[in-house]
PDB file of N, CA and C in Angstrom:
ATOM      1  N   MET A   1      57.160  87.347  71.422  1.00  0.00           N
ATOM      2  CA  MET A   1      57.930  86.339  72.097  1.00  0.00           C
ATOM      3  C   MET A   1      57.807  85.014  71.369  1.00  0.00           C
ATOM      4  N   CYS A   2      58.627  84.085  71.788  1.00  0.00           N
ATOM      5  CA  CYS A   2      58.675  82.782  71.139  1.00  0.00           C
ATOM      6  C   CYS A   2      58.119  81.713  72.060  1.00  0.00           C
ATOM      7  N   GLY A   3      57.494  80.723  71.481  1.00  0.00           N
ATOM      8  CA  GLY A   3      56.995  79.604  72.253  1.00  0.00           C
ATOM      9  C   GLY A   3      56.404  78.557  71.345  1.00  0.00           C
ATOM     10  N   LEU A   4      56.399  77.329  71.812  1.00  0.00           N
ATOM     11  CA  LEU A   4      55.856  76.228  71.022  1.00  0.00           C
ATOM     12  C   LEU A   4      54.684  75.576  71.738  1.00  0.00           C
ATOM     13  N   GLY A   5      53.887  76.382  72.385  1.00  0.00           N
ATOM     14  CA  GLY A   5      52.721  75.846  73.067  1.00  0.00           C
ATOM     15  C   GLY A   5      53.094  74.988  74.259  1.00  0.00           C
ATOM     16  N   ALA A   6      52.529  73.800  74.340  1.00  0.00           N
ATOM     17  CA  ALA A   6      52.737  72.926  75.492  1.00  0.00           C
ATOM     18  C   ALA A   6      54.075  72.184  75.432  1.00  0.00           C
ATOM     19  N   GLU A   7      54.760  72.198  74.295  1.00  0.00           N
ATOM     20  CA  GLU A   7      56.029  71.490  74.191  1.00  0.00           C
ATOM     21  C   GLU A   7      57.077  72.133  75.092  1.00  0.00           C
ATOM     22  N   GLU A   8      57.894  71.308  75.724  1.00  0.00           N
ATOM     23  CA  GLU A   8      58.933  71.794  76.627  1.00  0.00           C
ATOM     24  C   GLU A   8      60.252  71.924  75.869  1.00  0.00           C
ATOM     25  N   VAL A   9      60.356  72.918  75.020  1.00  0.00           N
ATOM     26  CA  VAL A   9      61.553  73.165  74.235  1.00  0.00           C
ATOM     27  C   VAL A   9      61.956  74.614  74.472  1.00  0.00           C
ATOM     28  N   GLU A  10      63.237  74.845  74.745  1.00  0.00           N
ATOM     29  CA  GLU A  10      63.694  76.217  74.949  1.00  0.00           C
ATOM     30  C   GLU A  10      63.785  76.934  73.601  1.00  0.00           C
ATOM     31  N   VAL A  11      63.054  78.018  73.481  1.00  0.00           N
ATOM     32  CA  VAL A  11      62.990  78.776  72.241  1.00  0.00           C
ATOM     33  C   VAL A  11      63.264  80.234  72.572  1.00  0.00           C
ATOM     34  N   THR A  12      63.989  80.913  71.692  1.00  0.00           N
ATOM     35  CA  THR A  12      64.300  82.320  71.904  1.00  0.00           C
ATOM     36  C   THR A  12      64.238  83.062  70.572  1.00  0.00           C
ATOM     37  N   LEU A  13      64.219  84.375  70.646  1.00  0.00           N
ATOM     38  CA  LEU A  13      64.293  85.161  69.426  1.00  0.00           C
ATOM     39  C   LEU A  13      65.608  84.850  68.723  1.00  0.00           C
ATOM     40  N   VAL A  14      65.588  84.852  67.405  1.00  0.00           N
ATOM     41  CA  VAL A  14      66.745  84.458  66.608  1.00  0.00           C
ATOM     42  C   VAL A  14      67.918  85.437  66.773  1.00  0.00           C
ATOM     43  N   ILE A  15      69.122  84.872  66.785  1.00  0.00           N
ATOM     44  CA  ILE A  15      70.366  85.637  66.777  1.00  0.00           C
ATOM     45  C   ILE A  15      70.994  85.424  65.407  1.00  0.00           C
ATOM     46  N   ILE A  16      71.269  86.502  64.702  1.00  0.00           N
ATOM     47  CA  ILE A  16      71.790  86.426  63.335  1.00  0.00           C
ATOM     48  C   ILE A  16      73.244  86.869  63.341  1.00  0.00           C
ATOM     49  N   ASN A  17      74.146  85.912  63.159  1.00  0.00           N
ATOM     50  CA  ASN A  17      75.579  86.191  63.242  1.00  0.00           C
ATOM     51  C   ASN A  17      76.248  86.496  61.914  1.00  0.00           C
ATOM     52  N   ASP A  18      75.601  86.141  60.807  1.00  0.00           N
ATOM     53  CA  ASP A  18      76.237  86.366  59.511  1.00  0.00           C
ATOM     54  C   ASP A  18      75.184  86.379  58.407  1.00  0.00           C
ATOM     55  N   GLU A  19      75.631  86.609  57.191  1.00  0.00           N
ATOM     56  CA  GLU A  19      74.713  86.731  56.063  1.00  0.00           C
ATOM     57  C   GLU A  19      73.977  85.415  55.776  1.00  0.00           C
ATOM     58  N   THR A  20      74.628  84.279  56.003  1.00  0.00           N
ATOM     59  CA  THR A  20      73.982  82.983  55.784  1.00  0.00           C
ATOM     60  C   THR A  20      72.795  82.809  56.727  1.00  0.00           C
ATOM     61  N   GLU A  21      72.980  83.121  57.996  1.00  0.00           N
ATOM     62  CA  GLU A  21      71.889  83.035  58.957  1.00  0.00           C
ATOM     63  C   GLU A  21      70.791  84.044  58.634  1.00  0.00           C
ATOM     64  N   ALA A  22      71.186  85.212  58.148  1.00  0.00           N
ATOM     65  CA  ALA A  22      70.192  86.222  57.758  1.00  0.00           C
ATOM     66  C   ALA A  22      69.336  85.704  56.605  1.00  0.00           C
ATOM     67  N   GLU A  23      69.960  85.037  55.647  1.00  0.00           N
ATOM     68  CA  GLU A  23      69.209  84.481  54.514  1.00  0.00           C
ATOM     69  C   GLU A  23      68.256  83.381  54.979  1.00  0.00           C
ATOM     70  N   MET A  24      68.692  82.560  55.933  1.00  0.00           N
ATOM     71  CA  MET A  24      67.820  81.508  56.468  1.00  0.00           C
ATOM     72  C   MET A  24      66.596  82.124  57.145  1.00  0.00           C
ATOM     73  N   ALA A  25      66.811  83.162  57.940  1.00  0.00           N
ATOM     74  CA  ALA A  25      65.700  83.837  58.618  1.00  0.00           C
ATOM     75  C   ALA A  25      64.766  84.474  57.592  1.00  0.00           C
ATOM     76  N   LYS A  26      65.349  85.075  56.590  1.00  0.00           N
ATOM     77  CA  LYS A  26      64.559  85.733  55.545  1.00  0.00           C
ATOM     78  C   LYS A  26      63.665  84.725  54.819  1.00  0.00           C
ATOM     79  N   LEU A  27      64.169  83.523  54.579  1.00  0.00           N
ATOM     80  CA  LEU A  27      63.373  82.488  53.911  1.00  0.00           C
ATOM     81  C   LEU A  27      62.142  82.110  54.725  1.00  0.00           C
ATOM     82  N   LEU A  28      62.263  82.131  56.041  1.00  0.00           N
ATOM     83  CA  LEU A  28      61.128  81.780  56.900  1.00  0.00           C
ATOM     84  C   LEU A  28      59.972  82.757  56.779  1.00  0.00           C
ATOM     85  N   ILE A  29      60.272  84.001  56.482  1.00  0.00           N
ATOM     86  CA  ILE A  29      59.220  85.026  56.452  1.00  0.00           C
ATOM     87  C   ILE A  29      58.962  85.574  55.058  1.00  0.00           C
ATOM     88  N   ALA A  30      59.584  85.001  54.045  1.00  0.00           N
ATOM     89  CA  ALA A  30      59.499  85.527  52.676  1.00  0.00           C
ATOM     90  C   ALA A  30      58.068  85.613  52.149  1.00  0.00           C
ATOM     91  N   ASN A  31      57.209  84.682  52.512  1.00  0.00           N
ATOM     92  CA  ASN A  31      55.841  84.670  51.989  1.00  0.00           C
ATOM     93  C   ASN A  31      54.813  85.196  52.975  1.00  0.00           C
ATOM     94  N   GLU A  32      55.295  85.755  54.070  1.00  0.00           N
ATOM     95  CA  GLU A  32      54.383  86.263  55.091  1.00  0.00           C
ATOM     96  C   GLU A  32      53.947  87.686  54.761  1.00  0.00           C
ATOM     97  N   GLU A  33      52.812  88.092  55.303  1.00  0.00           N
ATOM     98  CA  GLU A  33      52.261  89.409  55.010  1.00  0.00           C
ATOM     99  C   GLU A  33      52.760  90.506  55.931  1.00  0.00           C
ATOM    100  N   ASP A  34      53.088  90.164  57.177  1.00  0.00           N
ATOM    101  CA  ASP A  34      53.576  91.193  58.095  1.00  0.00           C
ATOM    102  C   ASP A  34      54.908  91.707  57.582  1.00  0.00           C
ATOM    103  N   GLU A  35      55.120  92.999  57.725  1.00  0.00           N
ATOM    104  CA  GLU A  35      56.307  93.604  57.139  1.00  0.00           C
ATOM    105  C   GLU A  35      57.570  93.415  57.977  1.00  0.00           C
ATOM    106  N   TYR A  36      57.468  93.472  59.296  1.00  0.00           N
ATOM    107  CA  TYR A  36      58.639  93.343  60.166  1.00  0.00           C
ATOM    108  C   TYR A  36      58.399  92.321  61.265  1.00  0.00           C
ATOM    109  N   TYR A  37      59.474  91.639  61.661  1.00  0.00           N
ATOM    110  CA  TYR A  37      59.439  90.581  62.662  1.00  0.00           C
ATOM    111  C   TYR A  37      60.541  90.825  63.678  1.00  0.00           C
ATOM    112  N   TRP A  38      60.253  90.574  64.956  1.00  0.00           N
ATOM    113  CA  TRP A  38      61.271  90.754  65.986  1.00  0.00           C
ATOM    114  C   TRP A  38      62.398  89.744  65.829  1.00  0.00           C
ATOM    115  N   ILE A  39      63.624  90.214  66.041  1.00  0.00           N
ATOM    116  CA  ILE A  39      64.783  89.341  66.164  1.00  0.00           C
ATOM    117  C   ILE A  39      65.406  89.632  67.529  1.00  0.00           C
ATOM    118  N   GLY A  40      66.379  88.838  67.939  1.00  0.00           N
ATOM    119  CA  GLY A  40      66.887  88.904  69.308  1.00  0.00           C
ATOM    120  C   GLY A  40      67.950  89.945  69.580  1.00  0.00           C
ATOM    121  N   ALA A  41      67.767  91.158  69.093  1.00  0.00           N
ATOM    122  CA  ALA A  41      68.729  92.237  69.352  1.00  0.00           C
ATOM    123  C   ALA A  41      68.023  93.373  70.090  1.00  0.00           C
ATOM    124  N   ARG A  42      68.757  93.957  71.055  1.00  0.00           N
ATOM    125  CA  ARG A  42      68.151  95.016  71.866  1.00  0.00           C
ATOM    126  C   ARG A  42      69.228  95.857  72.539  1.00  0.00           C
ATOM    127  N   TYR A  43      68.930  97.142  72.713  1.00  0.00           N
ATOM    128  CA  TYR A  43      69.791  98.019  73.509  1.00  0.00           C
ATOM    129  C   TYR A  43      69.441  97.846  74.973  1.00  0.00           C
ATOM    130  N   TYR A  44      70.439  97.482  75.793  1.00  0.00           N
ATOM    131  CA  TYR A  44      70.264  97.431  77.245  1.00  0.00           C
ATOM    132  C   TYR A  44      71.006  98.593  77.890  1.00  0.00           C
ATOM    133  N   ASP A  45      72.046  99.066  77.231  1.00  0.00           N
ATOM    134  CA  ASP A  45      72.776 100.265  77.632  1.00  0.00           C
ATOM    135  C   ASP A  45      72.490 101.315  76.569  1.00  0.00           C
ATOM    136  N   LYS A  46      72.717 102.568  76.887  1.00  0.00           N
ATOM    137  CA  LYS A  46      72.396 103.617  75.922  1.00  0.00           C
ATOM    138  C   LYS A  46      73.249 103.562  74.654  1.00  0.00           C
ATOM    139  N   ASP A  47      74.443 102.947  74.732  1.00  0.00           N
ATOM    140  CA  ASP A  47      75.318 102.963  73.565  1.00  0.00           C
ATOM    141  C   ASP A  47      75.764 101.586  73.097  1.00  0.00           C
ATOM    142  N   LYS A  48      75.096 100.513  73.555  1.00  0.00           N
ATOM    143  CA  LYS A  48      75.484  99.165  73.158  1.00  0.00           C
ATOM    144  C   LYS A  48      74.270  98.342  72.751  1.00  0.00           C
ATOM    145  N   LEU A  49      74.331  97.807  71.537  1.00  0.00           N
ATOM    146  CA  LEU A  49      73.294  96.906  71.039  1.00  0.00           C
ATOM    147  C   LEU A  49      73.778  95.478  71.272  1.00  0.00           C
ATOM    148  N   TYR A  50      72.938  94.658  71.909  1.00  0.00           N
ATOM    149  CA  TYR A  50      73.300  93.285  72.277  1.00  0.00           C
ATOM    150  C   TYR A  50      72.385  92.267  71.593  1.00  0.00           C
ATOM    151  N   TRP A  51      72.925  91.074  71.364  1.00  0.00           N
ATOM    152  CA  TRP A  51      72.088  89.914  71.096  1.00  0.00           C
ATOM    153  C   TRP A  51      71.616  89.398  72.452  1.00  0.00           C
ATOM    154  N   LEU A  52      70.569  88.612  72.481  1.00  0.00           N
ATOM    155  CA  LEU A  52      70.032  88.095  73.735  1.00  0.00           C
ATOM    156  C   LEU A  52      71.011  87.205  74.484  1.00  0.00           C
ATOM    157  N   ASP A  53      72.023  86.661  73.786  1.00  0.00           N
ATOM    158  CA  ASP A  53      73.025  85.833  74.468  1.00  0.00           C
ATOM    159  C   ASP A  53      74.121  86.667  75.118  1.00  0.00           C
ATOM    160  N   GLY A  54      74.005  87.997  75.041  1.00  0.00           N
ATOM    161  CA  GLY A  54      74.969  88.892  75.667  1.00  0.00           C
ATOM    162  C   GLY A  54      76.069  89.395  74.748  1.00  0.00           C
ATOM    163  N   THR A  55      76.141  88.890  73.525  1.00  0.00           N
ATOM    164  CA  THR A  55      77.136  89.362  72.566  1.00  0.00           C
ATOM    165  C   THR A  55      76.836  90.805  72.174  1.00  0.00           C
ATOM    166  N   ILE A  56      77.842  91.661  72.239  1.00  0.00           N
ATOM    167  CA  ILE A  56      77.665  93.047  71.815  1.00  0.00           C
ATOM    168  C   ILE A  56      77.729  93.106  70.292  1.00  0.00           C
ATOM    169  N   ILE A  57      76.737  93.730  69.672  1.00  0.00           N
ATOM    170  CA  ILE A  57      76.683  93.863  68.218  1.00  0.00           C
ATOM    171  C   ILE A  57      77.290  95.195  67.795  1.00  0.00           C
ATOM    172  N   ILE A  58      76.863  96.263  68.437  1.00  0.00           N
ATOM    173  CA  ILE A  58      77.324  97.609  68.106  1.00  0.00           C
ATOM    174  C   ILE A  58      77.602  98.347  69.403  1.00  0.00           C
ATOM    175  N   THR A  59      78.689  99.083  69.423  1.00  0.00           N
ATOM    176  CA  THR A  59      78.974  99.957  70.552  1.00  0.00           C
ATOM    177  C   THR A  59      79.484 101.283  70.007  1.00  0.00           C
ATOM    178  N   ASN A  60      79.124 102.359  70.629  1.00  0.00           N
ATOM    179  CA  ASN A  60      79.583 103.682  70.194  1.00  0.00           C
ATOM    180  C   ASN A  60      81.039 103.925  70.563  1.00  0.00           C
ATOM    181  N   ASP A  61      81.625 103.040  71.390  1.00  0.00           N
ATOM    182  CA  ASP A  61      83.003 103.215  71.825  1.00  0.00           C
ATOM    183  C   ASP A  61      84.026 102.694  70.826  1.00  0.00           C
ATOM    184  N   THR A  62      83.593 101.957  69.822  1.00  0.00           N
ATOM    185  CA  THR A  62      84.529 101.348  68.876  1.00  0.00           C
ATOM    186  C   THR A  62      83.902 101.249  67.497  1.00  0.00           C
ATOM    187  N   THR A  63      84.728 101.054  66.501  1.00  0.00           N
ATOM    188  CA  THR A  63      84.215 100.887  65.143  1.00  0.00           C
ATOM    189  C   THR A  63      83.943  99.420  64.841  1.00  0.00           C
ATOM    190  N   ASP A  64      84.310  98.522  65.766  1.00  0.00           N
ATOM    191  CA  ASP A  64      84.056  97.095  65.552  1.00  0.00           C
ATOM    192  C   ASP A  64      82.567  96.816  65.665  1.00  0.00           C
ATOM    193  N   THR A  65      82.037  96.134  64.682  1.00  0.00           N
ATOM    194  CA  THR A  65      80.642  95.704  64.743  1.00  0.00           C
ATOM    195  C   THR A  65      80.550  94.288  64.195  1.00  0.00           C
ATOM    196  N   PHE A  66      79.536  93.574  64.628  1.00  0.00           N
ATOM    197  CA  PHE A  66      79.242  92.267  64.090  1.00  0.00           C
ATOM    198  C   PHE A  66      78.253  92.453  62.950  1.00  0.00           C
ATOM    199  N   TYR A  67      77.768  91.365  62.376  1.00  0.00           N
ATOM    200  CA  TYR A  67      76.845  91.452  61.251  1.00  0.00           C
ATOM    201  C   TYR A  67      75.598  92.258  61.617  1.00  0.00           C
ATOM    202  N   THR A  68      75.250  93.226  60.789  1.00  0.00           N
ATOM    203  CA  THR A  68      73.993  93.963  60.893  1.00  0.00           C
ATOM    204  C   THR A  68      73.503  94.236  59.479  1.00  0.00           C
ATOM    205  N   ASN A  69      72.245  94.615  59.354  1.00  0.00           N
ATOM    206  CA  ASN A  69      71.682  94.939  58.044  1.00  0.00           C
ATOM    207  C   ASN A  69      70.613  96.026  58.183  1.00  0.00           C
ATOM    208  N   PHE A  70      70.982  97.129  58.838  1.00  0.00           N
ATOM    209  CA  PHE A  70      70.033  98.225  59.042  1.00  0.00           C
ATOM    210  C   PHE A  70      69.787  99.002  57.765  1.00  0.00           C
ATOM    211  N   THR A  71      68.545  99.458  57.598  1.00  0.00           N
ATOM    212  CA  THR A  71      68.179 100.308  56.472  1.00  0.00           C
ATOM    213  C   THR A  71      68.569 101.743  56.787  1.00  0.00           C
ATOM    214  N   THR A  72      68.416 102.613  55.816  1.00  0.00           N
ATOM    215  CA  THR A  72      68.662 104.032  56.075  1.00  0.00           C
ATOM    216  C   THR A  72      67.633 104.572  57.058  1.00  0.00           C
ATOM    217  N   GLU A  73      66.459 103.916  57.147  1.00  0.00           N
ATOM    218  CA  GLU A  73      65.458 104.306  58.141  1.00  0.00           C
ATOM    219  C   GLU A  73      65.814 103.732  59.502  1.00  0.00           C
ATOM    220  N   GLY A  74      66.902 102.965  59.578  1.00  0.00           N
ATOM    221  CA  GLY A  74      67.269 102.284  60.808  1.00  0.00           C
ATOM    222  C   GLY A  74      67.985 103.160  61.815  1.00  0.00           C
ATOM    223  N   ILE A  75      67.687 104.436  61.823  1.00  0.00           N
ATOM    224  CA  ILE A  75      68.290 105.340  62.794  1.00  0.00           C
ATOM    225  C   ILE A  75      67.547 105.198  64.112  1.00  0.00           C
ATOM    226  N   ARG A  76      68.294 104.985  65.170  1.00  0.00           N
ATOM    227  CA  ARG A  76      67.677 104.763  66.480  1.00  0.00           C
ATOM    228  C   ARG A  76      67.195 106.073  67.079  1.00  0.00           C
ATOM    229  N   THR A  77      65.960 106.059  67.550  1.00  0.00           N
ATOM    230  CA  THR A  77      65.372 107.210  68.221  1.00  0.00           C
ATOM    231  C   THR A  77      65.018 106.798  69.649  1.00  0.00           C
ATOM    232  N   PRO A  78      64.751 107.757  70.524  1.00  0.00           N
ATOM    233  CA  PRO A  78      64.394 107.400  71.912  1.00  0.00           C
ATOM    234  C   PRO A  78      63.260 106.374  71.959  1.00  0.00           C
ATOM    235  N   ASN A  79      63.373 105.430  72.873  1.00  0.00           N
ATOM    236  CA  ASN A  79      62.391 104.364  73.094  1.00  0.00           C
ATOM    237  C   ASN A  79      62.341 103.318  71.980  1.00  0.00           C
ATOM    238  N   HIS A  80      63.229 103.394  71.023  1.00  0.00           N
ATOM    239  CA  HIS A  80      63.317 102.379  69.973  1.00  0.00           C
ATOM    240  C   HIS A  80      64.552 101.525  70.261  1.00  0.00           C
ATOM    241  N   ASP A  81      64.411 100.613  71.223  1.00  0.00           N
ATOM    242  CA  ASP A  81      65.546  99.843  71.728  1.00  0.00           C
ATOM    243  C   ASP A  81      65.608  98.414  71.200  1.00  0.00           C
ATOM    244  N   CYS A  82      64.605  97.972  70.458  1.00  0.00           N
ATOM    245  CA  CYS A  82      64.583  96.613  69.922  1.00  0.00           C
ATOM    246  C   CYS A  82      64.759  96.643  68.411  1.00  0.00           C
ATOM    247  N   VAL A  83      65.049  95.471  67.836  1.00  0.00           N
ATOM    248  CA  VAL A  83      65.338  95.389  66.400  1.00  0.00           C
ATOM    249  C   VAL A  83      64.361  94.424  65.733  1.00  0.00           C
ATOM    250  N   ALA A  84      63.836  94.849  64.593  1.00  0.00           N
ATOM    251  CA  ALA A  84      62.942  94.013  63.793  1.00  0.00           C
ATOM    252  C   ALA A  84      63.530  93.860  62.394  1.00  0.00           C
ATOM    253  N   MET A  85      63.245  92.710  61.777  1.00  0.00           N
ATOM    254  CA  MET A  85      63.743  92.406  60.434  1.00  0.00           C
ATOM    255  C   MET A  85      62.573  92.337  59.470  1.00  0.00           C
ATOM    256  N   SER A  86      62.754  92.926  58.293  1.00  0.00           N
ATOM    257  CA  SER A  86      61.692  92.894  57.283  1.00  0.00           C
ATOM    258  C   SER A  86      61.759  91.600  56.483  1.00  0.00           C
ATOM    259  N   SER A  87      60.709  91.317  55.744  1.00  0.00           N
ATOM    260  CA  SER A  87      60.695  90.132  54.891  1.00  0.00           C
ATOM    261  C   SER A  87      61.711  90.255  53.760  1.00  0.00           C
ATOM    262  N   LYS A  88      62.265  91.449  53.568  1.00  0.00           N
ATOM    263  CA  LYS A  88      63.336  91.655  52.584  1.00  0.00           C
ATOM    264  C   LYS A  88      64.715  91.484  53.216  1.00  0.00           C
ATOM    265  N   GLY A  89      64.765  91.319  54.542  1.00  0.00           N
ATOM    266  CA  GLY A  89      66.023  91.072  55.237  1.00  0.00           C
ATOM    267  C   GLY A  89      66.660  92.279  55.890  1.00  0.00           C
ATOM    268  N   THR A  90      66.077  93.464  55.717  1.00  0.00           N
ATOM    269  CA  THR A  90      66.652  94.665  56.330  1.00  0.00           C
ATOM    270  C   THR A  90      66.120  94.845  57.743  1.00  0.00           C
ATOM    271  N   TRP A  91      66.881  95.567  58.544  1.00  0.00           N
ATOM    272  CA  TRP A  91      66.552  95.752  59.956  1.00  0.00           C
ATOM    273  C   TRP A  91      66.187  97.195  60.256  1.00  0.00           C
ATOM    274  N   ILE A  92      65.331  97.360  61.272  1.00  0.00           N
ATOM    275  CA  ILE A  92      65.000  98.682  61.806  1.00  0.00           C
ATOM    276  C   ILE A  92      65.004  98.611  63.333  1.00  0.00           C
ATOM    277  N   TYR A  93      65.157  99.760  63.964  1.00  0.00           N
ATOM    278  CA  TYR A  93      64.931  99.880  65.405  1.00  0.00           C
ATOM    279  C   TYR A  93      63.461 100.179  65.609  1.00  0.00           C
ATOM    280  N   ASP A  94      62.890  99.653  66.692  1.00  0.00           N
ATOM    281  CA  ASP A  94      61.486  99.940  66.978  1.00  0.00           C
ATOM    282  C   ASP A  94      61.247  99.882  68.481  1.00  0.00           C
ATOM    283  N   ASP A  95      60.127 100.431  68.884  1.00  0.00           N
ATOM    284  CA  ASP A  95      59.702 100.387  70.277  1.00  0.00           C
ATOM    285  C   ASP A  95      59.435  98.933  70.640  1.00  0.00           C
ATOM    286  N   CYS A  96      60.036  98.469  71.719  1.00  0.00           N
ATOM    287  CA  CYS A  96      59.918  97.068  72.128  1.00  0.00           C
ATOM    288  C   CYS A  96      58.490  96.646  72.438  1.00  0.00           C
ATOM    289  N   SER A  97      57.600  97.595  72.696  1.00  0.00           N
ATOM    290  CA  SER A  97      56.220  97.250  73.018  1.00  0.00           C
ATOM    291  C   SER A  97      55.341  97.108  71.772  1.00  0.00           C
ATOM    292  N   THR A  98      55.891  97.357  70.597  1.00  0.00           N
ATOM    293  CA  THR A  98      55.127  97.204  69.357  1.00  0.00           C
ATOM    294  C   THR A  98      54.783  95.732  69.158  1.00  0.00           C
ATOM    295  N   LEU A  99      53.529  95.459  68.842  1.00  0.00           N
ATOM    296  CA  LEU A  99      53.082  94.088  68.627  1.00  0.00           C
ATOM    297  C   LEU A  99      53.536  93.611  67.251  1.00  0.00           C
ATOM    298  N   ARG A 100      54.375  92.582  67.226  1.00  0.00           N
ATOM    299  CA  ARG A 100      54.893  91.998  65.992  1.00  0.00           C
ATOM    300  C   ARG A 100      55.030  90.492  66.166  1.00  0.00           C
ATOM    301  N   LEU A 101      55.030  89.778  65.056  1.00  0.00           N
ATOM    302  CA  LEU A 101      55.408  88.375  65.076  1.00  0.00           C
ATOM    303  C   LEU A 101      56.919  88.313  65.257  1.00  0.00           C
ATOM    304  N   SER A 102      57.444  87.128  65.590  1.00  0.00           N
ATOM    305  CA  SER A 102      58.869  86.980  65.879  1.00  0.00           C
ATOM    306  C   SER A 102      59.482  85.873  65.040  1.00  0.00           C
ATOM    307  N   ILE A 103      60.772  85.983  64.812  1.00  0.00           N
ATOM    308  CA  ILE A 103      61.543  84.890  64.220  1.00  0.00           C
ATOM    309  C   ILE A 103      62.280  84.235  65.382  1.00  0.00           C
ATOM    310  N   CYS A 104      62.064  82.938  65.562  1.00  0.00           N
ATOM    311  CA  CYS A 104      62.586  82.244  66.734  1.00  0.00           C
ATOM    312  C   CYS A 104      63.541  81.129  66.337  1.00  0.00           C
ATOM    313  N   GLU A 105      64.335  80.696  67.317  1.00  0.00           N
ATOM    314  CA  GLU A 105      65.213  79.559  67.114  1.00  0.00           C
ATOM    315  C   GLU A 105      65.260  78.729  68.389  1.00  0.00           C
ATOM    316  N   SER A 106      65.563  77.459  68.203  1.00  0.00           N
ATOM    317  CA  SER A 106      65.737  76.535  69.312  1.00  0.00           C
ATOM    318  C   SER A 106      67.045  75.806  69.103  1.00  0.00           C
ATOM    319  N   LEU A 107      68.003  76.008  70.017  1.00  0.00           N
ATOM    320  CA  LEU A 107      69.308  75.376  69.910  1.00  0.00           C
ATOM    321  C   LEU A 107      69.930  75.577  68.531  1.00  0.00           C
ATOM    322  N   GLY A 108      69.809  76.806  68.013  1.00  0.00           N
ATOM    323  CA  GLY A 108      70.413  77.145  66.736  1.00  0.00           C
ATOM    324  C   GLY A 108      69.597  76.737  65.522  1.00  0.00           C
ATOM    325  N   ILE A 109      68.386  76.211  65.746  1.00  0.00           N
ATOM    326  CA  ILE A 109      67.509  75.802  64.637  1.00  0.00           C
ATOM    327  C   ILE A 109      66.378  76.797  64.550  1.00  0.00           C
ATOM    328  N   PHE A 110      66.184  77.396  63.389  1.00  0.00           N
ATOM    329  CA  PHE A 110      65.126  78.375  63.219  1.00  0.00           C
ATOM    330  C   PHE A 110      63.773  77.715  63.353  1.00  0.00           C
ATOM    331  N   ALA A 111      62.829  78.438  63.996  1.00  0.00           N
ATOM    332  CA  ALA A 111      61.484  77.889  64.195  1.00  0.00           C
ATOM    333  C   ALA A 111      60.445  78.882  63.690  1.00  0.00           C
TER     334      ALA A 111
END
């Protein structure tokens, strides 16, 4: 999860809408040792991947998709409903209970 300690600033997991935003997020974690970081994408329905703001990213009902960068290992399996991004910029599905660091943003500013 995201937070800035005692500061009263609304912070959330990052939403990546395009390649430029993906590159910005990647720069934040480029020198970090952890391999994957949570981003703000999750399955709430069995066939729809959403950003935390409610935007649908992927749906099995249509071929329309928004920006994604899943690896070939990014095949979704049962209980892997959340999305993590690697320091190389690729995404995977993972169990939401997996302990990971997060990439966060506040009012569209990466934190």
